Amino acid sequence: MSTQSQITQTQVLDAISRAALMLERQDAAQSGLQLLLNEFRRSLLQTSGQAATTVLYHGKIKSYLLQYPSNYPDSVAALSSLLDHFVAAQ
């Protein structure tokens, strides 16, 4: 993260959207994650991008991925990594 020291909520929203769009609705685990990501996006917009919302959903997403392993697309790994960096900077 040396070239980009601070992750913005706009980047988080973009990563959420990319991850949600790439998920397979036919896969139960991916469909559930898609619902969680859509909830995250709505909550982030409703709270005007408060960092606490991102920290909360970071935990929810990590827990979901551990509870429901699946062959998630790379965009989910990218979102997870971005959230890890965002939360570490808080």
C-alpha atoms as a PDB file:
ATOM      1  CA  MET A   1       0.000   0.000   0.000  1.00  0.00           C
ATOM      2  CA  SER A   2       2.931   2.333  -0.390  1.00  0.00           C
ATOM      3  CA  THR A   3       1.628   4.093  -3.494  1.00  0.00           C
ATOM      4  CA  GLN A   4      -1.907   4.422  -2.178  1.00  0.00           C
ATOM      5  CA  SER A   5      -1.829   5.158   1.516  1.00  0.00           C
ATOM      6  CA  GLN A   6      -5.528   5.725   2.093  1.00  0.00           C
ATOM      7  CA  ILE A   7      -8.458   3.796   0.679  1.00  0.00           C
ATOM      8  CA  THR A   8     -11.581   5.858   0.075  1.00  0.00           C
ATOM      9  CA  GLN A   9     -15.189   4.831   0.580  1.00  0.00           C
ATOM     10  CA  THR A  10     -15.675   5.365  -3.162  1.00  0.00           C
ATOM     11  CA  GLN A  11     -13.101   2.645  -3.813  1.00  0.00           C
ATOM     12  CA  VAL A  12     -14.882   0.403  -1.319  1.00  0.00           C
ATOM     13  CA  LEU A  13     -18.244   0.973  -3.048  1.00  0.00           C
ATOM     14  CA  ASP A  14     -16.692   0.237  -6.428  1.00  0.00           C
ATOM     15  CA  ALA A  15     -15.164  -3.003  -5.140  1.00  0.00           C
ATOM     16  CA  ILE A  16     -18.494  -4.036  -3.566  1.00  0.00           C
ATOM     17  CA  SER A  17     -20.291  -3.455  -6.869  1.00  0.00           C
ATOM     18  CA  ARG A  18     -17.683  -5.358  -8.885  1.00  0.00           C
ATOM     19  CA  ALA A  19     -17.767  -8.312  -6.509  1.00  0.00           C
ATOM     20  CA  ALA A  20     -21.582  -8.427  -6.390  1.00  0.00           C
ATOM     21  CA  LEU A  21     -21.864  -8.336 -10.176  1.00  0.00           C
ATOM     22  CA  MET A  22     -19.504 -11.276 -10.650  1.00  0.00           C
ATOM     23  CA  LEU A  23     -21.294 -13.688  -8.294  1.00  0.00           C
ATOM     24  CA  GLU A  24     -23.356 -16.619  -9.591  1.00  0.00           C
ATOM     25  CA  ARG A  25     -26.983 -16.506  -8.462  1.00  0.00           C
ATOM     26  CA  GLN A  26     -27.345 -20.278  -8.968  1.00  0.00           C
ATOM     27  CA  ASP A  27     -24.695 -20.968  -6.310  1.00  0.00           C
ATOM     28  CA  ALA A  28     -26.361 -20.714  -2.874  1.00  0.00           C
ATOM     29  CA  ALA A  29     -23.214 -19.439  -1.110  1.00  0.00           C
ATOM     30  CA  GLN A  30     -22.533 -16.835  -3.788  1.00  0.00           C
ATOM     31  CA  SER A  31     -26.169 -15.754  -3.848  1.00  0.00           C
ATOM     32  CA  GLY A  32     -26.068 -15.237  -0.081  1.00  0.00           C
ATOM     33  CA  LEU A  33     -22.880 -13.213  -0.384  1.00  0.00           C
ATOM     34  CA  GLN A  34     -24.511 -11.118  -3.090  1.00  0.00           C
ATOM     35  CA  LEU A  35     -27.353 -10.289  -0.695  1.00  0.00           C
ATOM     36  CA  LEU A  36     -24.846  -9.366   2.021  1.00  0.00           C
ATOM     37  CA  LEU A  37     -22.888  -7.139  -0.380  1.00  0.00           C
ATOM     38  CA  ASN A  38     -26.070  -5.387  -1.514  1.00  0.00           C
ATOM     39  CA  GLU A  39     -26.972  -4.787   2.142  1.00  0.00           C
ATOM     40  CA  PHE A  40     -23.444  -3.441   2.730  1.00  0.00           C
ATOM     41  CA  ARG A  41     -23.743  -1.065  -0.221  1.00  0.00           C
ATOM     42  CA  ARG A  42     -27.145   0.253   0.971  1.00  0.00           C
ATOM     43  CA  SER A  43     -25.898   0.700   4.537  1.00  0.00           C
ATOM     44  CA  LEU A  44     -22.783   2.508   3.367  1.00  0.00           C
ATOM     45  CA  LEU A  45     -24.868   4.916   1.300  1.00  0.00           C
ATOM     46  CA  GLN A  46     -27.361   5.456   4.139  1.00  0.00           C
ATOM     47  CA  THR A  47     -24.597   6.246   6.629  1.00  0.00           C
ATOM     48  CA  SER A  48     -22.825   8.602   4.215  1.00  0.00           C
ATOM     49  CA  GLY A  49     -19.795   6.345   4.067  1.00  0.00           C
ATOM     50  CA  GLN A  50     -19.012   6.147   7.767  1.00  0.00           C
ATOM     51  CA  ALA A  51     -15.897   4.093   8.440  1.00  0.00           C
ATOM     52  CA  ALA A  52     -17.692   2.194  11.216  1.00  0.00           C
ATOM     53  CA  THR A  53     -20.086   0.739   8.621  1.00  0.00           C
ATOM     54  CA  THR A  54     -17.175  -0.581   6.568  1.00  0.00           C
ATOM     55  CA  VAL A  55     -15.500  -2.034   9.659  1.00  0.00           C
ATOM     56  CA  LEU A  56     -18.754  -3.770  10.662  1.00  0.00           C
ATOM     57  CA  TYR A  57     -19.341  -5.295   7.228  1.00  0.00           C
ATOM     58  CA  HIS A  58     -15.691  -6.288   6.915  1.00  0.00           C
ATOM     59  CA  GLY A  59     -16.290  -8.626   9.856  1.00  0.00           C
ATOM     60  CA  LYS A  60     -19.588  -9.870   8.449  1.00  0.00           C
ATOM     61  CA  ILE A  61     -18.033 -10.642   5.058  1.00  0.00           C
ATOM     62  CA  LYS A  62     -15.017 -12.406   6.590  1.00  0.00           C
ATOM     63  CA  SER A  63     -17.344 -14.530   8.720  1.00  0.00           C
ATOM     64  CA  TYR A  64     -19.564 -15.324   5.746  1.00  0.00           C
ATOM     65  CA  LEU A  65     -16.635 -16.421   3.589  1.00  0.00           C
ATOM     66  CA  LEU A  66     -15.371 -18.708   6.343  1.00  0.00           C
ATOM     67  CA  GLN A  67     -18.820 -20.155   7.026  1.00  0.00           C
ATOM     68  CA  TYR A  68     -19.749 -20.677   3.363  1.00  0.00           C
ATOM     69  CA  PRO A  69     -16.691 -21.651   1.333  1.00  0.00           C
ATOM     70  CA  SER A  70     -17.216 -21.584  -2.413  1.00  0.00           C
ATOM     71  CA  ASN A  71     -15.330 -20.944  -5.625  1.00  0.00           C
ATOM     72  CA  TYR A  72     -15.756 -17.169  -5.420  1.00  0.00           C
ATOM     73  CA  PRO A  73     -14.560 -14.961  -8.284  1.00  0.00           C
ATOM     74  CA  ASP A  74     -11.332 -12.975  -7.980  1.00  0.00           C
ATOM     75  CA  SER A  75     -13.338  -9.786  -7.391  1.00  0.00           C
ATOM     76  CA  VAL A  76     -14.353 -11.155  -3.976  1.00  0.00           C
ATOM     77  CA  ALA A  77     -10.708 -11.702  -3.021  1.00  0.00           C
ATOM     78  CA  ALA A  78      -9.917  -8.180  -4.235  1.00  0.00           C
ATOM     79  CA  LEU A  79     -12.748  -6.744  -2.118  1.00  0.00           C
ATOM     80  CA  SER A  80     -11.616  -8.730   0.908  1.00  0.00           C
ATOM     81  CA  SER A  81      -8.049  -7.478   0.519  1.00  0.00           C
ATOM     82  CA  LEU A  82      -9.216  -3.886   0.071  1.00  0.00           C
ATOM     83  CA  LEU A  83     -11.347  -4.132   3.216  1.00  0.00           C
ATOM     84  CA  ASP A  84      -8.412  -5.628   5.146  1.00  0.00           C
ATOM     85  CA  HIS A  85      -6.277  -2.621   4.221  1.00  0.00           C
ATOM     86  CA  PHE A  86      -9.078  -0.157   4.964  1.00  0.00           C
ATOM     87  CA  VAL A  87      -9.728  -1.616   8.411  1.00  0.00           C
ATOM     88  CA  ALA A  88      -6.009  -1.812   9.234  1.00  0.00           C
ATOM     89  CA  ALA A  89      -5.719   1.923   8.492  1.00  0.00           C
ATOM     90  CA  GLN A  90      -8.524   2.811  10.927  1.00  0.00           C
END
